[in-house]
Amino acid sequence: MTRGLYLGVAVLLAIAPIAFAEGREAGQPGVVTTTDVKGHAMHLTISGGIDIDSVWRDDNLVGVLERAGMRRFSGSPPNHDVADGDSFFSPRVWLRFDAYMSDHVSAVIELNNERLRSELGSFHSDGLGSSPSNVIDAGSGWGAAANADLFGGGYGSNNDIGIGIQQAYIQVDDFLFEHFSMRFGIQDFVVDLRGNGNPFLIGFRPDGAGKAFISPIQEATFNSTGTLYADRLVLGTDSLGVYRGEEEPGGLRFTYSADENLHFDVWTYNIWETGLDHYDEWFYGLMAKYNIPDSPSVIQFLFDVTSNDSDKNRVYTIGPGVDYWWDNLELYGEFYYQWGDYGYTGALTGGGNGNIDQQSMAFYFGARYNFEASCAPWVDVQYAYIDGSNGNHNDSGDTNKNFVSYEDNDSLMILEDNLYGLDVQSNYWKLQFNTGMVLSLQHEKDLTASLTYAYAETVATPTRINSTSDFTNTSDRFDMHENLGNEIDLKMVWQYSDSLSFDLGTAWLFDGEFWTTHLGVNDANSTKVGDNMYLISVGATVKF
């Protein structure tokens, strides 16, 4: 199948030069026009790009991703599993083909490589008892190794660039009746209320959302069972790093536009399928969105269901979102409430059948003001609360308050970014301040600079459920800290031309005491993971 994909890419690349006709502006898609032959495209749009990142992460950040402090001392002399910092070169290459036929029919094929590559693992019968009947053996690419490194020889399963299908769908506009469209196949799906690239609830896109039922990093760092899936064991993760991956949804989406301002969406997507009980993810729901006339303001209302095989694993989410502009002032926020069943406790132990109820909420609100000045400065203040629980589920049943979502909010480079950072998704709150301006370097307003400060804590401090042998100093077992840290991010984006941009991001996290004490690493002589971290990213993006 891989050879077939490469052959297809080669053929498509062979015809690509046709697209770049004389007179086309840089950065615009190329168009191949054909005759209107029945069953063939009337024209084909070809676009693509290369996004290159060079990244440096310090040893403390890598230590958390690798769960270095959780690994038990063994051997003689003891193996302290001290993490090292890393640097790597991570490009994403994509090529997209939009084919437009008659009768309002179009099709999209988009090929790219994934930069997050954790494999959850393989499945087999357990031997833990009658329930559950299957378990997961951990796969590869966990921890810091989830970031594919081109020069490090760790890209893809065969050390190649690993080109795959990002999108492949058919779209029919005015399907059955006017203003009603259907999209069927593998497709990106993003709900981004503010349009700032940080979707709070749904973010299926390249380098985007992962599996919904993976346990939060705050639990995965200290739990001797490692990362869990819907409170089920993933065997072998006690000696692996944190799981980070991305998913591409496949399914059906209908959109009805009552007019140019009011839109309705209904969808059903298959996120993950194994053929085994409670090792699947389905995602379906509906959304109404209203664009206020003659204004950038938006109001939306959403209801969705995240299902891990029906009974005892179905989570419901409902809530509104508002992005309101009054002259230069933006007021915004989203609120979601969750209920249903997260799982059942027998999944973790092989015995017992107590339900784990889902009862959670998540919200954020804030304000932004754009000043009228030559450098277009702005200030943005935001508070966010994403519910969480202590992670201690037992055989008599419990309540999970960790918010379940397909978010892709990467507004903080270390704490929230899923591609290079810690990917904190739930069980935290933050107070965030952002400011910036647009400057002129080579062309008018081609350089954007921003500064972000945020303070974050856990909502519920996880309860240690490890045995004392997992810790270097048992007196520190209950030395809990809820402080996730103070983060400062500095970002710059230089739009060199219509098709080429450069970016620089530097981030520092200070006083993140949670990451030190919850890894069980404090003893009388050393601390293997400190509470200060940094991340540097230098990138370039070209689009054609």
Protein backbone atom coordinates (compact mmCIF):
# COMPACT_ATOMS: atom_id res chain seq x y z
CA MET A 1 0.00 0.00 0.00
CA THR A 2 2.90 2.36 0.80
CA ARG A 3 4.47 1.77 -2.63
CA GLY A 4 1.12 2.51 -4.23
CA LEU A 5 0.88 5.79 -2.36
CA TYR A 6 4.37 6.80 -3.47
CA LEU A 7 3.54 5.92 -7.10
CA GLY A 8 0.38 8.01 -6.88
CA VAL A 9 2.32 10.94 -5.45
CA ALA A 10 4.90 10.62 -8.24
CA VAL A 11 2.19 10.72 -10.93
CA LEU A 12 0.50 13.70 -9.32
CA LEU A 13 3.81 15.52 -9.01
CA ALA A 14 4.47 14.81 -12.67
CA ILE A 15 1.34 16.70 -13.69
CA ALA A 16 1.77 19.45 -11.08
CA PRO A 17 3.84 21.78 -13.32
CA ILE A 18 0.76 22.23 -15.51
CA ALA A 19 -0.77 24.15 -12.61
CA PHE A 20 1.83 26.85 -12.51
CA ALA A 21 0.73 28.80 -15.52
CA GLU A 22 2.34 32.11 -16.44
CA GLY A 23 0.81 35.02 -14.55
CA ARG A 24 -0.29 33.11 -11.43
CA GLU A 25 0.47 34.98 -8.22
CA ALA A 26 2.79 33.32 -5.68
CA GLY A 27 1.02 31.42 -2.95
CA GLN A 28 -2.18 30.96 -5.02
CA PRO A 29 -3.45 27.50 -6.05
CA GLY A 30 -2.78 26.43 -9.62
CA VAL A 31 -5.73 25.51 -11.81
CA VAL A 32 -5.81 22.90 -14.57
CA THR A 33 -8.85 23.40 -16.82
CA THR A 34 -10.24 20.53 -18.91
CA THR A 35 -13.12 20.11 -21.30
CA ASP A 36 -16.51 19.29 -19.85
CA VAL A 37 -16.36 15.55 -20.46
CA LYS A 38 -18.95 13.46 -18.65
CA GLY A 39 -17.42 11.87 -15.55
CA HIS A 40 -14.29 14.05 -15.58
CA ALA A 41 -13.26 17.15 -13.66
CA MET A 42 -13.95 20.50 -15.29
CA HIS A 43 -10.91 21.89 -13.51
CA LEU A 44 -8.39 20.77 -10.92
CA THR A 45 -6.81 23.02 -8.30
CA ILE A 46 -3.38 22.00 -7.01
CA SER A 47 -1.89 23.48 -3.85
CA GLY A 48 0.55 22.47 -1.16
CA GLY A 49 3.34 23.55 1.09
CA ILE A 50 6.26 22.77 3.36
CA ASP A 51 6.28 23.71 7.05
CA ILE A 52 9.71 23.23 8.61
CA ASP A 53 10.40 23.45 12.36
CA SER A 54 13.71 23.19 14.16
CA VAL A 55 13.05 22.64 17.88
CA TRP A 56 15.09 22.68 21.09
CA ARG A 57 13.67 21.39 24.42
CA ASP A 58 15.46 21.34 27.75
CA ASP A 59 16.01 18.23 29.87
CA ASN A 60 13.19 19.02 32.31
CA LEU A 61 10.57 19.26 29.57
CA VAL A 62 11.85 16.05 27.98
CA GLY A 63 11.93 14.45 31.43
CA VAL A 64 8.19 14.98 31.89
CA LEU A 65 7.39 13.69 28.39
CA GLU A 66 9.55 10.65 29.04
CA ARG A 67 8.17 10.14 32.58
CA ALA A 68 11.83 9.85 33.55
CA GLY A 69 11.21 10.52 37.22
CA MET A 70 8.60 7.74 37.43
CA ARG A 71 10.87 4.99 36.23
CA ARG A 72 11.95 2.72 39.04
CA PHE A 73 15.53 2.44 40.17
CA SER A 74 16.97 -0.92 39.17
CA GLY A 75 20.29 -2.60 38.61
CA SER A 76 23.65 -2.03 40.25
CA PRO A 77 24.51 0.78 40.30
CA PRO A 78 20.93 2.14 40.24
CA ASN A 79 19.61 3.35 36.89
CA HIS A 80 18.40 6.89 37.55
CA ASP A 81 16.92 7.33 34.03
CA VAL A 82 17.99 10.95 33.88
CA ALA A 83 16.41 12.64 30.84
CA ASP A 84 18.47 14.69 28.40
CA GLY A 85 17.38 17.71 26.40
CA ASP A 86 16.65 17.19 22.71
CA SER A 87 16.80 19.04 19.42
CA PHE A 88 15.20 17.86 16.22
CA PHE A 89 14.15 18.86 12.73
CA SER A 90 10.48 18.26 12.02
CA PRO A 91 8.96 19.19 8.63
CA ARG A 92 5.41 18.72 7.41
CA VAL A 93 4.92 18.38 3.67
CA TRP A 94 1.47 18.46 2.12
CA LEU A 95 -0.02 18.31 -1.35
CA ARG A 96 -3.71 18.96 -2.02
CA PHE A 97 -5.88 18.38 -5.09
CA ASP A 98 -9.37 19.90 -5.42
CA ALA A 99 -11.34 18.51 -8.35
CA TYR A 100 -14.49 20.35 -9.46
CA MET A 101 -17.07 18.55 -11.57
CA SER A 102 -20.42 19.61 -12.93
CA ASP A 103 -23.68 19.25 -10.96
CA HIS A 104 -22.15 20.83 -7.81
CA VAL A 105 -19.87 17.84 -7.18
CA SER A 106 -16.28 18.20 -5.97
CA ALA A 107 -13.62 15.99 -4.42
CA VAL A 108 -10.53 16.63 -2.29
CA ILE A 109 -7.40 14.54 -1.82
CA GLU A 110 -4.75 15.84 0.60
CA LEU A 111 -1.52 13.97 1.32
CA ASN A 112 0.90 14.81 4.11
CA ASN A 113 3.17 13.36 6.75
CA GLU A 114 2.22 13.20 10.43
CA ARG A 115 4.55 14.86 12.93
CA LEU A 116 2.98 13.13 15.95
CA ARG A 117 3.33 9.36 15.74
CA SER A 118 2.57 7.60 19.04
CA GLU A 119 1.05 4.18 18.32
CA LEU A 120 -1.39 3.10 20.99
CA GLY A 121 -0.48 -0.56 20.47
CA SER A 122 -1.74 -4.03 19.63
CA PHE A 123 -4.60 -6.00 21.19
CA HIS A 124 -4.93 -9.48 22.69
CA SER A 125 -6.87 -11.45 25.30
CA ASP A 126 -5.85 -10.44 28.77
CA GLY A 127 -5.89 -13.15 31.40
CA LEU A 128 -6.95 -10.65 34.07
CA GLY A 129 -10.38 -12.22 34.46
CA SER A 130 -13.67 -12.39 32.65
CA SER A 131 -13.93 -8.62 32.24
CA PRO A 132 -12.42 -7.09 30.22
CA SER A 133 -11.62 -9.70 27.59
CA ASN A 134 -9.02 -7.68 25.71
CA VAL A 135 -6.14 -5.37 26.59
CA ILE A 136 -3.66 -3.17 24.75
CA ASP A 137 0.08 -3.75 24.56
CA ALA A 138 1.77 -0.36 24.25
CA GLY A 139 3.09 0.51 20.81
CA SER A 140 6.03 2.66 19.77
CA GLY A 141 6.77 6.37 19.56
CA TRP A 142 5.81 7.40 23.10
CA GLY A 143 7.31 10.27 25.08
CA ALA A 144 9.70 12.64 23.35
CA ALA A 145 9.97 10.12 20.50
CA ALA A 146 6.41 11.03 19.46
CA ASN A 147 8.02 13.92 17.59
CA ALA A 148 9.34 12.50 14.35
CA ASP A 149 12.89 13.70 13.60
CA LEU A 150 13.92 13.66 9.94
CA PHE A 151 17.69 13.76 10.49
CA GLY A 152 17.49 11.44 13.49
CA GLY A 153 16.36 8.56 11.32
CA GLY A 154 13.15 8.15 13.31
CA TYR A 155 10.62 9.34 10.76
CA GLY A 156 7.84 6.88 9.99
CA SER A 157 7.80 3.13 10.50
CA ASN A 158 10.54 2.53 7.91
CA ASN A 159 12.61 5.64 8.59
CA ASP A 160 11.00 7.39 5.62
CA ILE A 161 8.90 10.53 5.54
CA GLY A 162 5.70 8.52 6.00
CA ILE A 163 3.36 10.20 3.51
CA GLY A 164 -0.29 9.35 4.19
CA ILE A 165 -3.83 10.54 3.57
CA GLN A 166 -4.89 13.58 5.59
CA GLN A 167 -8.15 14.18 3.71
CA ALA A 168 -10.06 12.29 1.03
CA TYR A 169 -13.69 13.27 0.67
CA ILE A 170 -16.51 13.93 -1.77
CA GLN A 171 -18.63 17.07 -1.46
CA VAL A 172 -22.02 17.69 -3.05
CA ASP A 173 -23.46 21.22 -2.83
CA ASP A 174 -27.20 21.80 -3.21
CA PHE A 175 -27.61 18.12 -2.38
CA LEU A 176 -31.31 17.15 -2.80
CA PHE A 177 -32.32 20.79 -2.32
CA GLU A 178 -30.75 24.26 -2.34
CA HIS A 179 -28.29 25.38 0.35
CA PHE A 180 -27.87 21.81 1.65
CA SER A 181 -24.44 20.18 1.27
CA MET A 182 -22.97 16.78 2.03
CA ARG A 183 -19.33 15.92 2.73
CA PHE A 184 -18.42 12.21 2.90
CA GLY A 185 -14.99 10.71 3.63
CA ILE A 186 -11.83 11.49 5.62
CA GLN A 187 -11.94 15.18 6.48
CA ASP A 188 -10.65 17.88 8.81
CA PHE A 189 -13.23 19.31 11.21
CA VAL A 190 -12.47 22.37 13.34
CA VAL A 191 -14.78 24.50 15.49
CA ASP A 192 -12.80 27.70 16.08
CA LEU A 193 -15.15 30.33 17.48
CA ARG A 194 -12.68 33.22 17.43
CA GLY A 195 -10.83 32.12 14.32
CA ASN A 196 -7.47 32.50 16.06
CA GLY A 197 -6.20 28.96 15.40
CA ASN A 198 -6.86 27.61 18.91
CA PRO A 199 -10.08 25.51 18.85
CA PHE A 200 -11.31 24.92 22.39
CA LEU A 201 -13.47 21.81 21.81
CA ILE A 202 -12.96 20.32 18.33
CA GLY A 203 -9.71 20.52 16.35
CA PHE A 204 -9.30 17.72 13.81
CA ARG A 205 -6.54 19.00 11.52
CA PRO A 206 -2.84 18.33 10.80
CA ASP A 207 -0.87 18.20 14.08
CA GLY A 208 -4.26 18.39 15.80
CA ALA A 209 -6.54 16.44 18.14
CA GLY A 210 -5.72 12.99 19.50
CA LYS A 211 -7.89 10.30 21.09
CA ALA A 212 -10.48 11.63 23.53
CA PHE A 213 -10.27 8.91 26.22
CA ILE A 214 -6.49 9.01 26.80
CA SER A 215 -5.77 9.87 30.45
CA PRO A 216 -4.45 13.42 31.09
CA ILE A 217 -0.73 13.99 31.38
CA GLN A 218 -1.15 14.97 35.05
CA GLU A 219 -2.20 11.38 35.79
CA ALA A 220 0.11 9.68 33.32
CA THR A 221 3.16 11.21 34.98
CA PHE A 222 2.67 9.66 38.40
CA ASN A 223 0.46 6.61 37.86
CA SER A 224 2.43 3.37 38.01
CA THR A 225 0.07 1.95 35.38
CA GLY A 226 1.15 4.75 33.05
CA THR A 227 -1.22 6.10 30.42
CA LEU A 228 -4.75 4.67 30.52
CA TYR A 229 -7.36 4.48 27.79
CA ALA A 230 -10.91 4.96 29.17
CA ASP A 231 -9.53 3.68 32.48
CA ARG A 232 -8.23 0.55 30.76
CA LEU A 233 -4.67 -0.69 31.08
CA VAL A 234 -2.19 -0.10 28.28
CA LEU A 235 0.35 -2.74 29.23
CA GLY A 236 3.97 -1.62 29.34
CA THR A 237 3.38 2.11 29.79
CA ASP A 238 4.87 2.07 33.28
CA SER A 239 8.24 2.25 31.48
CA LEU A 240 7.18 4.48 28.58
CA GLY A 241 6.69 8.19 28.14
CA VAL A 242 3.48 10.11 27.57
CA TYR A 243 1.20 9.25 24.65
CA ARG A 244 0.71 11.97 22.00
CA GLY A 245 -0.89 11.33 18.63
CA GLU A 246 -3.27 12.84 16.08
CA GLU A 247 -6.45 11.49 14.53
CA GLU A 248 -8.18 11.97 11.18
CA PRO A 249 -11.97 11.57 11.38
CA GLY A 250 -13.83 9.70 8.68
CA GLY A 251 -17.55 9.98 8.16
CA LEU A 252 -20.42 12.14 7.02
CA ARG A 253 -21.22 15.81 7.56
CA PHE A 254 -24.29 17.72 6.42
CA THR A 255 -24.49 21.52 6.33
CA TYR A 256 -27.61 23.61 5.76
CA SER A 257 -27.35 27.36 5.21
CA ALA A 258 -30.70 29.02 5.88
CA ASP A 259 -29.19 32.26 4.60
CA GLU A 260 -25.74 33.85 4.42
CA ASN A 261 -25.63 34.21 8.23
CA LEU A 262 -27.35 31.15 9.74
CA HIS A 263 -25.77 27.70 9.32
CA PHE A 264 -26.50 24.25 10.75
CA ASP A 265 -24.12 21.27 10.84
CA VAL A 266 -24.81 17.62 11.63
CA TRP A 267 -22.00 15.04 11.66
CA THR A 268 -21.07 11.48 12.49
CA TYR A 269 -17.41 10.46 12.46
CA ASN A 270 -15.51 7.28 13.15
CA ILE A 271 -12.30 8.30 14.93
CA TRP A 272 -10.88 4.89 15.82
CA GLU A 273 -12.01 1.30 15.19
CA THR A 274 -10.45 -1.96 16.38
CA GLY A 275 -13.31 -4.45 16.18
CA LEU A 276 -12.99 -5.06 19.93
CA ASP A 277 -15.43 -4.07 22.66
CA HIS A 278 -14.78 -0.58 24.11
CA TYR A 279 -11.73 0.07 21.95
CA ASP A 280 -13.40 2.39 19.46
CA GLU A 281 -14.26 6.08 19.24
CA TRP A 282 -17.30 7.56 17.52
CA PHE A 283 -18.06 11.26 17.48
CA TYR A 284 -21.39 12.72 16.38
CA GLY A 285 -23.36 15.87 17.02
CA LEU A 286 -24.97 19.03 15.71
CA MET A 287 -24.18 22.74 15.76
CA ALA A 288 -25.97 25.98 14.93
CA LYS A 289 -23.91 29.06 14.06
CA TYR A 290 -25.14 32.61 13.47
CA ASN A 291 -22.97 35.37 12.02
CA ILE A 292 -24.38 38.73 13.10
CA PRO A 293 -24.96 40.83 9.95
CA ASP A 294 -22.48 43.60 9.17
CA SER A 295 -20.27 42.47 12.02
CA PRO A 296 -17.51 39.88 12.72
CA SER A 297 -19.55 38.76 15.76
CA VAL A 298 -20.58 35.08 16.00
CA ILE A 299 -22.98 33.07 18.18
CA GLN A 300 -22.91 29.27 18.21
CA PHE A 301 -24.61 26.41 20.06
CA LEU A 302 -23.29 22.85 20.02
CA PHE A 303 -24.30 19.37 21.18
CA ASP A 304 -22.09 16.34 20.63
CA VAL A 305 -21.57 12.75 21.77
CA THR A 306 -18.21 11.05 22.20
CA SER A 307 -18.73 7.29 22.36
CA ASN A 308 -16.39 4.46 23.23
CA ASP A 309 -18.79 1.66 22.22
CA SER A 310 -22.24 2.61 23.54
CA ASP A 311 -22.99 1.13 26.96
CA LYS A 312 -20.96 2.61 29.85
CA ASN A 313 -18.78 4.70 27.54
CA ARG A 314 -20.87 7.55 26.12
CA VAL A 315 -20.14 11.19 27.00
CA TYR A 316 -22.54 14.04 26.11
CA THR A 317 -21.44 17.67 25.71
CA ILE A 318 -23.64 20.74 25.31
CA GLY A 319 -23.01 24.47 25.40
CA PRO A 320 -22.94 27.91 23.73
CA GLY A 321 -20.21 30.17 22.45
CA VAL A 322 -20.19 33.93 21.80
CA ASP A 323 -17.65 36.13 20.07
CA TYR A 324 -18.99 39.70 20.13
CA TRP A 325 -17.28 42.78 18.69
CA TRP A 326 -18.15 46.32 19.72
CA ASP A 327 -15.96 48.64 17.67
CA ASN A 328 -12.40 47.71 18.71
CA LEU A 329 -13.45 45.65 21.76
CA GLU A 330 -13.93 41.88 21.51
CA LEU A 331 -15.81 39.98 24.23
CA TYR A 332 -15.74 36.21 23.91
CA GLY A 333 -16.32 32.92 25.67
CA GLU A 334 -17.46 29.31 25.42
CA PHE A 335 -19.12 27.13 28.07
CA TYR A 336 -19.70 23.36 27.93
CA TYR A 337 -21.27 20.91 30.35
CA GLN A 338 -20.63 17.16 30.16
CA TRP A 339 -22.45 14.13 31.51
CA GLY A 340 -22.82 10.41 30.75
CA ASP A 341 -20.53 7.42 31.35
CA TYR A 342 -16.76 7.64 31.04
CA GLY A 343 -16.13 3.93 31.47
CA TYR A 344 -16.28 1.20 34.05
CA THR A 345 -13.77 0.34 36.73
CA GLY A 346 -13.47 -3.31 35.84
CA ALA A 347 -11.53 -2.16 32.81
CA LEU A 348 -8.58 -1.24 35.00
CA THR A 349 -8.49 -4.19 37.37
CA GLY A 350 -10.08 -7.04 35.45
CA GLY A 351 -12.75 -7.31 38.13
CA GLY A 352 -15.68 -5.25 39.38
CA ASN A 353 -18.20 -3.45 37.24
CA GLY A 354 -18.78 -0.09 38.89
CA ASN A 355 -19.68 2.63 36.42
CA ILE A 356 -17.44 5.65 36.13
CA ASP A 357 -19.91 8.49 35.62
CA GLN A 358 -18.90 11.53 33.60
CA GLN A 359 -19.69 14.88 35.21
CA SER A 360 -17.56 17.76 34.02
CA MET A 361 -17.48 21.24 32.56
CA ALA A 362 -15.12 23.56 30.73
CA PHE A 363 -15.28 27.24 29.90
CA TYR A 364 -13.26 30.32 29.08
CA PHE A 365 -14.04 33.99 28.75
CA GLY A 366 -12.02 37.05 27.96
CA ALA A 367 -11.69 40.43 26.31
CA ARG A 368 -9.42 41.86 23.63
CA TYR A 369 -8.93 45.47 22.63
CA ASN A 370 -7.31 46.63 19.39
CA PHE A 371 -5.75 50.07 19.68
CA GLU A 372 -5.84 52.50 16.78
CA ALA A 373 -2.16 53.14 16.17
CA SER A 374 0.30 52.68 13.33
CA CYS A 375 1.68 49.43 14.82
CA ALA A 376 -1.84 48.04 15.52
CA PRO A 377 -1.17 47.00 19.15
CA TRP A 378 -3.61 44.85 21.11
CA VAL A 379 -4.16 43.46 24.59
CA ASP A 380 -6.05 40.25 25.41
CA VAL A 381 -6.94 38.92 28.88
CA GLN A 382 -8.47 35.47 29.33
CA TYR A 383 -9.50 33.06 32.09
CA ALA A 384 -10.00 29.37 31.30
CA TYR A 385 -11.23 26.49 33.48
CA ILE A 386 -11.13 22.88 32.26
CA ASP A 387 -12.45 20.48 34.88
CA GLY A 388 -10.48 17.60 36.35
CA SER A 389 -10.50 14.84 38.97
CA ASN A 390 -8.02 13.05 41.19
CA GLY A 391 -7.80 10.00 38.92
CA ASN A 392 -8.45 7.51 41.71
CA HIS A 393 -11.13 5.20 40.31
CA ASN A 394 -12.00 2.09 42.30
CA ASP A 395 -14.07 -1.07 41.88
CA SER A 396 -17.19 0.40 43.46
CA GLY A 397 -17.50 3.05 40.78
CA ASP A 398 -16.53 6.70 40.72
CA THR A 399 -17.02 9.99 38.91
CA ASN A 400 -14.63 11.24 36.26
CA LYS A 401 -14.42 15.03 36.07
CA ASN A 402 -11.60 15.22 33.52
CA PHE A 403 -13.16 17.06 30.58
CA VAL A 404 -13.26 14.93 27.43
CA SER A 405 -12.75 16.68 24.09
CA TYR A 406 -10.93 16.81 20.76
CA GLU A 407 -9.43 20.21 21.54
CA ASP A 408 -6.39 21.64 19.80
CA ASN A 409 -5.76 24.74 21.88
CA ASP A 410 -2.06 25.56 21.56
CA SER A 411 -2.01 29.10 22.91
CA LEU A 412 0.77 28.21 25.42
CA MET A 413 3.87 26.67 23.85
CA ILE A 414 4.91 24.50 26.80
CA LEU A 415 1.79 23.74 28.83
CA GLU A 416 -0.79 23.43 26.05
CA ASP A 417 0.90 22.78 22.72
CA ASN A 418 0.35 19.15 21.71
CA LEU A 419 3.06 19.03 19.05
CA TYR A 420 6.14 20.07 21.02
CA GLY A 421 4.88 20.84 24.54
CA LEU A 422 3.16 18.97 27.39
CA ASP A 423 -0.35 18.97 25.85
CA VAL A 424 -2.23 19.68 29.10
CA GLN A 425 -5.85 19.15 28.00
CA SER A 426 -7.91 18.97 31.20
CA ASN A 427 -7.69 19.35 34.99
CA TYR A 428 -6.30 22.88 34.98
CA TRP A 429 -7.22 26.52 35.10
CA LYS A 430 -5.22 29.47 33.84
CA LEU A 431 -5.17 33.25 33.85
CA GLN A 432 -3.57 34.52 30.64
CA PHE A 433 -2.44 37.91 29.36
CA ASN A 434 -1.43 38.48 25.74
CA THR A 435 -0.23 41.58 23.93
CA GLY A 436 1.43 42.32 20.63
CA MET A 437 1.85 44.58 17.64
CA VAL A 438 2.34 44.53 13.88
CA LEU A 439 5.53 46.17 12.54
CA SER A 440 7.06 46.89 9.14
CA LEU A 441 10.38 45.21 8.43
CA GLN A 442 10.73 44.72 4.67
CA HIS A 443 7.15 45.37 3.60
CA GLU A 444 4.29 47.19 5.26
CA LYS A 445 3.03 45.35 8.36
CA ASP A 446 4.92 42.14 7.60
CA LEU A 447 6.19 41.38 11.14
CA THR A 448 3.88 40.33 13.99
CA ALA A 449 5.31 40.11 17.52
CA SER A 450 3.43 38.91 20.59
CA LEU A 451 4.10 38.31 24.27
CA THR A 452 2.03 35.95 26.45
CA TYR A 453 2.10 35.40 30.20
CA ALA A 454 -0.01 32.78 31.97
CA TYR A 455 -0.29 31.26 35.43
CA ALA A 456 -1.82 27.77 35.68
CA GLU A 457 -2.80 25.30 38.42
CA THR A 458 -4.48 21.91 38.55
CA VAL A 459 -8.21 21.90 39.37
CA ALA A 460 -7.95 18.69 41.41
CA THR A 461 -4.62 17.39 42.65
CA PRO A 462 -4.35 13.72 41.59
CA THR A 463 -4.20 11.09 44.34
CA ARG A 464 -1.18 8.84 44.28
CA ILE A 465 -2.25 5.24 43.79
CA ASN A 466 1.26 3.85 43.42
CA SER A 467 3.02 1.51 45.75
CA THR A 468 5.76 3.05 47.88
CA SER A 469 8.42 1.17 45.91
CA ASP A 470 7.84 3.54 42.99
CA PHE A 471 9.37 6.49 44.84
CA THR A 472 12.89 7.42 45.72
CA ASN A 473 11.82 8.88 49.05
CA THR A 474 8.52 7.70 50.53
CA SER A 475 8.32 10.74 52.80
CA ASP A 476 7.61 12.78 49.64
CA ARG A 477 4.69 10.61 48.49
CA PHE A 478 2.08 13.07 49.69
CA ASP A 479 4.01 16.27 49.14
CA MET A 480 1.45 17.66 46.69
CA HIS A 481 1.81 20.81 44.65
CA GLU A 482 -0.93 22.14 42.39
CA ASN A 483 1.17 24.79 40.65
CA LEU A 484 1.65 23.92 36.95
CA GLY A 485 3.81 26.99 36.53
CA ASN A 486 4.19 30.54 35.24
CA GLU A 487 4.73 30.57 31.47
CA ILE A 488 6.11 33.35 29.28
CA ASP A 489 5.97 32.99 25.48
CA LEU A 490 7.53 35.29 22.92
CA LYS A 491 6.51 34.76 19.29
CA MET A 492 7.41 36.50 16.04
CA VAL A 493 6.11 35.84 12.54
CA TRP A 494 7.72 37.51 9.51
CA GLN A 495 5.64 37.39 6.32
CA TYR A 496 8.56 37.58 3.89
CA SER A 497 6.31 37.30 0.84
CA ASP A 498 2.84 36.13 -0.10
CA SER A 499 4.06 32.54 -0.17
CA LEU A 500 6.90 32.44 2.41
CA SER A 501 6.90 33.19 6.16
CA PHE A 502 9.38 32.69 9.00
CA ASP A 503 8.53 32.23 12.67
CA LEU A 504 10.39 32.20 15.97
CA GLY A 505 8.97 31.07 19.29
CA THR A 506 10.63 30.95 22.70
CA ALA A 507 8.91 29.81 25.89
CA TRP A 508 9.91 29.57 29.53
CA LEU A 509 8.03 27.83 32.34
CA PHE A 510 8.93 28.81 35.91
CA ASP A 511 8.05 27.26 39.27
CA GLY A 512 6.13 24.29 37.85
CA GLU A 513 6.30 22.44 41.15
CA PHE A 514 3.67 19.90 40.11
CA TRP A 515 5.99 18.39 37.52
CA THR A 516 8.70 17.84 40.13
CA THR A 517 6.80 16.40 43.08
CA HIS A 518 4.24 14.41 41.09
CA LEU A 519 6.93 12.49 39.31
CA GLY A 520 8.21 11.20 42.66
CA VAL A 521 11.72 12.47 42.00
CA ASN A 522 12.62 14.42 45.13
CA ASP A 523 15.08 12.76 47.44
CA ALA A 524 17.78 13.94 49.78
CA ASN A 525 20.49 14.06 47.11
CA SER A 526 19.02 14.98 43.75
CA THR A 527 16.04 16.04 41.73
CA LYS A 528 15.92 14.48 38.27
CA VAL A 529 13.17 16.75 36.90
CA GLY A 530 13.23 20.42 37.81
CA ASP A 531 10.37 22.91 37.87
CA ASN A 532 11.80 25.25 35.20
CA MET A 533 11.63 24.45 31.47
CA TYR A 534 12.27 26.11 28.13
CA LEU A 535 11.35 25.51 24.49
CA ILE A 536 12.67 27.18 21.33
CA SER A 537 11.20 26.75 17.86
CA VAL A 538 12.44 28.25 14.59
CA GLY A 539 10.37 27.64 11.49
CA ALA A 540 9.65 28.50 7.89
CA THR A 541 6.52 27.87 5.84
CA VAL A 542 6.12 28.04 2.09
CA LYS A 543 2.76 27.60 0.34
CA PHE A 544 2.12 27.15 -3.34
